[in-house]
Every structure is written in structure tokens, then in C-alpha cells.
Amino acid sequence: MEEPQAEKIVNKINREIFESNDVDVSVYCYLHYRSNGQVAEISFLEIELWTSDNDDREYNEKTKEYRPLEDYLRHRINNIIEEISTLKVKDE
């Protein structure tokens, strides 16, 4: 995947998060795209979701293509949100 395409996907999802959620939440719940020119990385809440160097998306042998990055990122984000929503902290 070309890095500019990955960055466009991150910007699209971030815009959606900002426009469809409370402003307070969208300030810290966003995707972060980072690249050093060799390797690109996408993270959410400082959790690595994808890197160009180590692509964990499913590979379809029939089509010879990876799962679309946007679909993969949305799936991972929703899983993280689901896991976080089960966390509890005791009130003192």
C-alpha cells in the first residue's frame, strides 16, 4: 500500500470521528499516522494498528489482495473500543 493512500484513509476516519462524536471525545480518540520515509505506522490511542513493514491484514489467495486497509482499521478500532468499554475502575 502506498503511504499517501494510508494517510488519506486515516484523515477520512479522523474526520468521521470528529464529525460524529462529542468534541471532547474526538480530541483524544483519533488515528495517528506516522512515517519515517521507510516505514509507515497507524495507531489509535497509542495502540499500533498497522505498519507497512508488518502488515497483519488477511491475505486472500484467490484475489491475491489484502483486506482493504480502511475496513481493517475500522474493525480494529471497534474491537479496541469494545474492549475498553468493559474496563471498570473502583470508586473510592
Protein backbone atom coordinates (compact mmCIF):
# COMPACT_ATOMS: atom_id res chain seq x y z
CA MET A 1 0.00 0.00 0.00
CA GLU A 2 1.28 3.44 -0.87
CA GLU A 3 1.80 5.69 2.13
CA PRO A 4 -0.25 8.62 0.74
CA GLN A 5 -3.25 6.28 0.43
CA ALA A 6 -2.84 5.15 4.05
CA GLU A 7 -2.66 8.77 5.19
CA LYS A 8 -5.84 9.62 3.23
CA ILE A 9 -7.68 6.76 4.93
CA VAL A 10 -6.52 7.99 8.36
CA ASN A 11 -7.70 11.53 7.56
CA LYS A 12 -11.08 10.22 6.37
CA ILE A 13 -11.68 8.18 9.53
CA ASN A 14 -10.46 11.02 11.78
CA ARG A 15 -12.88 13.44 10.09
CA GLU A 16 -15.69 10.95 10.66
CA ILE A 17 -14.74 10.54 14.35
CA PHE A 18 -14.67 14.32 14.82
CA GLU A 19 -17.94 14.99 12.98
CA SER A 20 -19.99 12.17 14.51
CA ASN A 21 -18.91 12.26 18.16
CA ASP A 22 -18.72 14.59 21.09
CA VAL A 23 -15.92 17.13 20.62
CA ASP A 24 -14.35 16.20 23.97
CA VAL A 25 -14.02 12.58 22.86
CA SER A 26 -12.69 13.35 19.39
CA VAL A 27 -9.84 15.41 20.87
CA TYR A 28 -8.03 12.29 22.09
CA CYS A 29 -9.74 9.43 20.21
CA TYR A 30 -8.22 9.63 16.77
CA LEU A 31 -5.93 7.73 14.46
CA HIS A 32 -2.33 8.79 14.25
CA TYR A 33 -0.33 8.35 11.04
CA ARG A 34 3.46 8.42 11.28
CA SER A 35 6.17 7.72 8.73
CA ASN A 36 9.94 7.97 8.65
CA GLY A 37 10.06 7.66 4.86
CA GLN A 38 10.79 3.94 5.06
CA VAL A 39 8.01 2.57 7.27
CA ALA A 40 4.51 3.94 7.94
CA GLU A 41 2.52 3.26 11.09
CA ILE A 42 -1.10 3.84 12.06
CA SER A 43 -2.12 3.83 15.72
CA PHE A 44 -5.23 4.52 17.80
CA LEU A 45 -4.98 5.54 21.46
CA GLU A 46 -1.26 4.78 21.13
CA ILE A 47 -2.06 1.19 20.14
CA GLU A 48 -0.37 0.13 16.92
CA LEU A 49 -2.99 -0.96 14.39
CA TRP A 50 -0.94 -1.36 11.22
CA THR A 51 2.57 -0.85 9.86
CA SER A 52 3.73 -1.02 6.28
CA ASP A 53 6.64 -3.15 7.49
CA ASN A 54 4.47 -5.75 9.27
CA ASP A 55 1.06 -5.94 7.59
CA ASP A 56 -1.28 -8.20 9.62
CA ARG A 57 -4.29 -7.88 7.31
CA GLU A 58 -5.78 -11.08 5.94
CA TYR A 59 -4.46 -12.04 2.52
CA ASN A 60 -6.89 -13.53 0.01
CA GLU A 61 -5.10 -16.19 -2.02
CA LYS A 62 -7.79 -16.18 -4.72
CA THR A 63 -7.66 -12.44 -5.44
CA LYS A 64 -4.01 -12.02 -4.39
CA GLU A 65 -5.01 -8.97 -2.34
CA TYR A 66 -5.01 -7.91 1.28
CA ARG A 67 -8.17 -6.94 3.13
CA PRO A 68 -8.83 -3.24 2.38
CA LEU A 69 -6.94 -1.09 4.87
CA GLU A 70 -9.90 1.11 5.73
CA ASP A 71 -12.07 -1.92 6.54
CA TYR A 72 -9.26 -3.45 8.59
CA LEU A 73 -8.70 -0.24 10.59
CA ARG A 74 -12.40 0.24 11.31
CA HIS A 75 -12.61 -3.36 12.53
CA ARG A 76 -9.57 -2.97 14.81
CA ILE A 77 -10.82 0.37 16.20
CA ASN A 78 -14.22 -1.10 17.02
CA ASN A 79 -12.56 -4.06 18.76
CA ILE A 80 -10.41 -1.74 20.86
CA ILE A 81 -13.42 0.41 21.81
CA GLU A 82 -15.37 -2.71 22.76
CA GLU A 83 -12.53 -3.97 24.96
CA ILE A 84 -12.03 -0.59 26.62
CA SER A 85 -15.74 -0.22 27.32
CA THR A 86 -15.58 -3.30 29.58
CA LEU A 87 -12.92 -1.77 31.84
CA LYS A 88 -14.02 -0.69 35.30
CA VAL A 89 -12.27 1.40 37.93
CA LYS A 90 -13.49 1.27 41.52
CA ASP A 91 -14.72 4.47 43.09
CA GLU A 92 -13.15 5.18 46.41
